[in-house]
């Protein structure tokens, strides 16, 4: 039998993924401009109280920038690129961060998603519920056949059901609406994150 269980939890984290990319006619110029842009982003994160331990720079690279023109690829200067990911615990910082990043040249927000810091704990609890659901289902089926439930001889976790958790929950772009006084207001609805576990149990 298969047993499935779902637990809905409130998110308490936002995972941001930001890309910084610029180009210039000379590689050295691209590198210098890029270093300044990356530092500008890191300074903003520090000003918004994002801990250094929750910030990571990855995919740092530079090289020839190529553009497709007149049915062929041609070199058009050089580029430098870095990805910055960080975790934010205070949702009140969402608007200041979003607006701060939007004012920076060569910076793009690739994604913002919700997470829960106790994810593993909730997954463990939900997995136990899935096993109990399988047991109850097996017991009901056995009783319908006039049989008794024996000891479990096999338990398998269905990972295909659980893979969806890794993506978290996407956050829509910041909504700006005109309020009574014409002041843009922030609307952010974290909602709930479903954690689903599925197991196969043979008795």
Protein backbone atom coordinates (compact mmCIF):
# COMPACT_ATOMS: atom_id res chain seq x y z
CA UNK A 1 0.00 0.00 0.00
CA UNK A 2 0.92 3.66 -0.43
CA UNK A 3 0.56 6.24 2.31
CA UNK A 4 0.54 9.99 1.68
CA UNK A 5 0.58 12.89 4.12
CA UNK A 6 0.77 16.67 3.69
CA UNK A 7 1.69 19.33 6.23
CA UNK A 8 1.18 23.02 5.48
CA UNK A 9 3.60 25.40 7.18
CA UNK A 10 4.04 29.16 7.23
CA UNK A 11 7.23 30.36 5.52
CA UNK A 12 9.73 32.23 7.67
CA UNK A 13 12.47 32.82 5.08
CA UNK A 14 12.95 34.30 1.63
CA UNK A 15 15.66 32.92 -0.64
CA UNK A 16 16.87 35.50 -3.16
CA UNK A 17 18.89 34.82 -6.31
CA UNK A 18 20.50 37.88 -7.92
CA UNK A 19 22.73 38.14 -10.99
CA UNK A 20 25.22 40.95 -11.59
CA UNK A 21 26.46 41.18 -15.19
CA UNK A 22 28.15 43.96 -17.13
CA UNK A 23 30.21 44.37 -20.26
CA UNK A 24 32.89 46.75 -21.53
CA UNK A 25 35.16 47.09 -24.53
CA UNK A 26 38.21 46.07 -22.46
CA UNK A 27 38.34 43.13 -20.07
CA UNK A 28 40.08 45.14 -17.34
CA UNK A 29 37.38 47.81 -17.51
CA UNK A 30 34.66 45.15 -17.29
CA UNK A 31 36.37 43.59 -14.27
CA UNK A 32 36.75 46.91 -12.44
CA UNK A 33 33.15 47.94 -13.08
CA UNK A 34 31.96 44.51 -12.03
CA UNK A 35 33.89 44.55 -8.75
CA UNK A 36 32.27 47.88 -7.88
CA UNK A 37 28.78 46.57 -8.78
CA UNK A 38 29.19 43.44 -6.64
CA UNK A 39 30.40 45.50 -3.71
CA UNK A 40 27.39 47.80 -4.09
CA UNK A 41 25.03 44.83 -3.79
CA UNK A 42 26.88 43.39 -0.79
CA UNK A 43 26.82 46.80 0.91
CA UNK A 44 23.05 47.02 0.41
CA UNK A 45 22.60 43.58 1.98
CA UNK A 46 24.72 44.59 4.95
CA UNK A 47 22.74 47.82 5.38
CA UNK A 48 19.51 45.77 5.37
CA UNK A 49 20.90 43.57 8.22
CA UNK A 50 21.43 40.44 6.11
CA UNK A 51 24.05 38.37 7.99
CA UNK A 52 27.28 37.57 6.13
CA UNK A 53 26.74 33.87 6.83
CA UNK A 54 23.51 34.01 4.80
CA UNK A 55 25.10 35.54 1.70
CA UNK A 56 26.91 33.53 -0.96
CA UNK A 57 28.57 34.57 -4.23
CA UNK A 58 28.80 31.92 -6.96
CA UNK A 59 29.26 31.47 -10.72
CA UNK A 60 31.94 34.18 -10.89
CA UNK A 61 33.21 34.42 -14.47
CA UNK A 62 34.37 36.75 -17.22
CA UNK A 63 35.18 36.36 -20.90
CA UNK A 64 34.42 37.50 -24.41
CA UNK A 65 30.94 38.87 -24.96
CA UNK A 66 29.44 37.55 -28.18
CA UNK A 67 26.43 38.91 -30.02
CA UNK A 68 24.51 37.34 -32.90
CA UNK A 69 24.58 39.81 -35.78
CA UNK A 70 24.12 39.37 -39.53
CA UNK A 71 23.63 35.60 -39.23
CA UNK A 72 26.85 35.03 -37.31
CA UNK A 73 28.35 35.35 -33.83
CA UNK A 74 30.74 38.29 -33.42
CA UNK A 75 32.75 39.50 -30.45
CA UNK A 76 31.36 42.61 -28.80
CA UNK A 77 33.69 43.49 -25.94
CA UNK A 78 34.01 41.49 -22.71
CA UNK A 79 31.68 40.58 -19.86
CA UNK A 80 31.92 39.82 -16.14
CA UNK A 81 29.22 38.04 -14.17
CA UNK A 82 28.52 36.92 -10.58
CA UNK A 83 25.50 35.32 -8.92
CA UNK A 84 24.60 36.35 -5.39
CA UNK A 85 22.17 34.35 -3.28
CA UNK A 86 21.04 35.26 0.22
CA UNK A 87 18.46 34.30 2.82
CA UNK A 88 16.25 36.94 4.42
CA UNK A 89 14.39 36.25 7.68
CA UNK A 90 12.69 39.63 8.10
CA UNK A 91 9.93 40.00 5.48
CA UNK A 92 9.75 43.73 6.26
CA UNK A 93 13.03 44.06 4.37
CA UNK A 94 11.47 42.82 1.13
CA UNK A 95 10.39 46.22 -0.23
CA UNK A 96 13.61 48.12 0.71
CA UNK A 97 15.73 45.36 -0.83
CA UNK A 98 13.63 45.15 -3.97
CA UNK A 99 13.66 48.90 -4.52
CA UNK A 100 17.35 49.17 -3.64
CA UNK A 101 18.34 46.49 -6.15
CA UNK A 102 16.12 48.03 -8.84
CA UNK A 103 18.17 51.22 -8.70
CA UNK A 104 21.43 49.43 -9.47
CA UNK A 105 22.67 49.07 -13.03
CA UNK A 106 23.58 45.62 -14.35
CA UNK A 107 21.68 43.88 -11.53
CA UNK A 108 18.75 41.53 -12.07
CA UNK A 109 16.67 39.51 -9.59
CA UNK A 110 16.33 36.02 -11.05
CA UNK A 111 14.05 34.60 -8.36
CA UNK A 112 12.66 35.05 -4.86
CA UNK A 113 11.07 32.09 -3.12
CA UNK A 114 9.68 31.20 0.28
CA UNK A 115 11.25 28.63 2.58
CA UNK A 116 10.90 27.38 6.15
CA UNK A 117 13.93 27.09 8.42
CA UNK A 118 12.51 23.91 10.01
CA UNK A 119 12.01 22.12 6.69
CA UNK A 120 13.82 18.89 7.63
CA UNK A 121 11.94 18.64 10.92
CA UNK A 122 8.58 19.05 9.17
CA UNK A 123 9.55 16.54 6.50
CA UNK A 124 10.40 13.97 9.18
CA UNK A 125 7.08 14.49 10.95
CA UNK A 126 5.14 14.30 7.69
CA UNK A 127 6.97 11.13 6.64
CA UNK A 128 5.90 9.48 9.90
CA UNK A 129 2.29 10.49 9.21
CA UNK A 130 2.57 8.95 5.72
CA UNK A 131 3.76 5.64 7.21
CA UNK A 132 0.83 5.62 9.65
CA UNK A 133 -1.56 6.39 6.80
CA UNK A 134 -0.19 3.38 4.90
CA UNK A 135 -0.60 1.20 7.97
CA UNK A 136 -4.22 2.28 8.50
CA UNK A 137 -5.03 1.73 4.83
CA UNK A 138 -3.47 -1.76 4.88
CA UNK A 139 -5.33 -2.66 8.04
CA UNK A 140 -8.66 -1.61 6.50
CA UNK A 141 -7.98 -3.62 3.34
CA UNK A 142 -6.93 -6.68 5.33
CA UNK A 143 -10.07 -6.55 7.48
CA UNK A 144 -12.22 -6.33 4.34
CA UNK A 145 -10.67 -9.63 3.27
CA UNK A 146 -11.09 -11.20 6.69
CA UNK A 147 -7.34 -11.14 7.27
CA UNK A 148 -5.04 -9.67 9.90
CA UNK A 149 -2.23 -7.22 9.25
CA UNK A 150 1.23 -8.71 9.61
CA UNK A 151 4.59 -7.08 10.33
CA UNK A 152 6.01 -4.59 7.78
CA UNK A 153 8.64 -6.20 5.55
CA UNK A 154 9.39 -3.26 3.24
CA UNK A 155 9.22 0.53 3.47
CA UNK A 156 10.16 2.75 0.53
CA UNK A 157 10.02 6.52 0.24
CA UNK A 158 8.62 7.96 -2.99
CA UNK A 159 11.14 10.73 -3.67
CA UNK A 160 9.34 11.93 -6.81
CA UNK A 161 6.61 13.41 -4.60
CA UNK A 162 9.07 15.18 -2.31
CA UNK A 163 11.22 16.79 -4.99
CA UNK A 164 8.81 19.68 -5.39
CA UNK A 165 9.77 21.05 -1.96
CA UNK A 166 13.24 22.12 -3.07
CA UNK A 167 11.81 24.88 -5.21
CA UNK A 168 10.02 26.47 -2.28
CA UNK A 169 7.17 28.79 -3.17
CA UNK A 170 7.68 31.56 -5.66
CA UNK A 171 7.05 35.14 -4.61
CA UNK A 172 5.27 37.44 -7.01
CA UNK A 173 6.95 40.71 -7.83
CA UNK A 174 6.29 43.56 -5.43
CA UNK A 175 2.86 45.04 -6.03
CA UNK A 176 2.56 48.81 -5.85
CA UNK A 177 -0.95 50.17 -5.52
CA UNK A 178 -2.18 53.69 -5.02
CA UNK A 179 -3.43 54.14 -1.45
CA UNK A 180 -5.71 56.83 -0.03
CA UNK A 181 -2.90 59.34 0.04
CA UNK A 182 -1.36 58.27 -3.24
CA UNK A 183 1.47 56.52 -1.43
CA UNK A 184 2.53 53.17 -2.93
CA UNK A 185 1.62 50.32 -0.58
CA UNK A 186 3.19 46.92 -0.25
CA UNK A 187 1.19 43.71 -0.56
CA UNK A 188 2.95 40.49 0.30
CA UNK A 189 1.04 37.25 0.92
CA UNK A 190 3.36 34.50 2.20
CA UNK A 191 0.51 31.98 2.45
CA UNK A 192 1.46 28.40 3.36
CA UNK A 193 4.02 25.93 2.01
CA UNK A 194 2.74 22.35 1.51
CA UNK A 195 5.16 19.56 2.49
CA UNK A 196 4.07 16.24 1.01
CA UNK A 197 5.58 12.84 1.77
CA UNK A 198 4.58 9.51 0.18
CA UNK A 199 5.75 6.03 1.18
CA UNK A 200 5.18 2.48 0.01
CA UNK A 201 4.84 -0.17 2.72
CA UNK A 202 4.53 -3.93 2.27
CA UNK A 203 3.16 -6.05 5.15
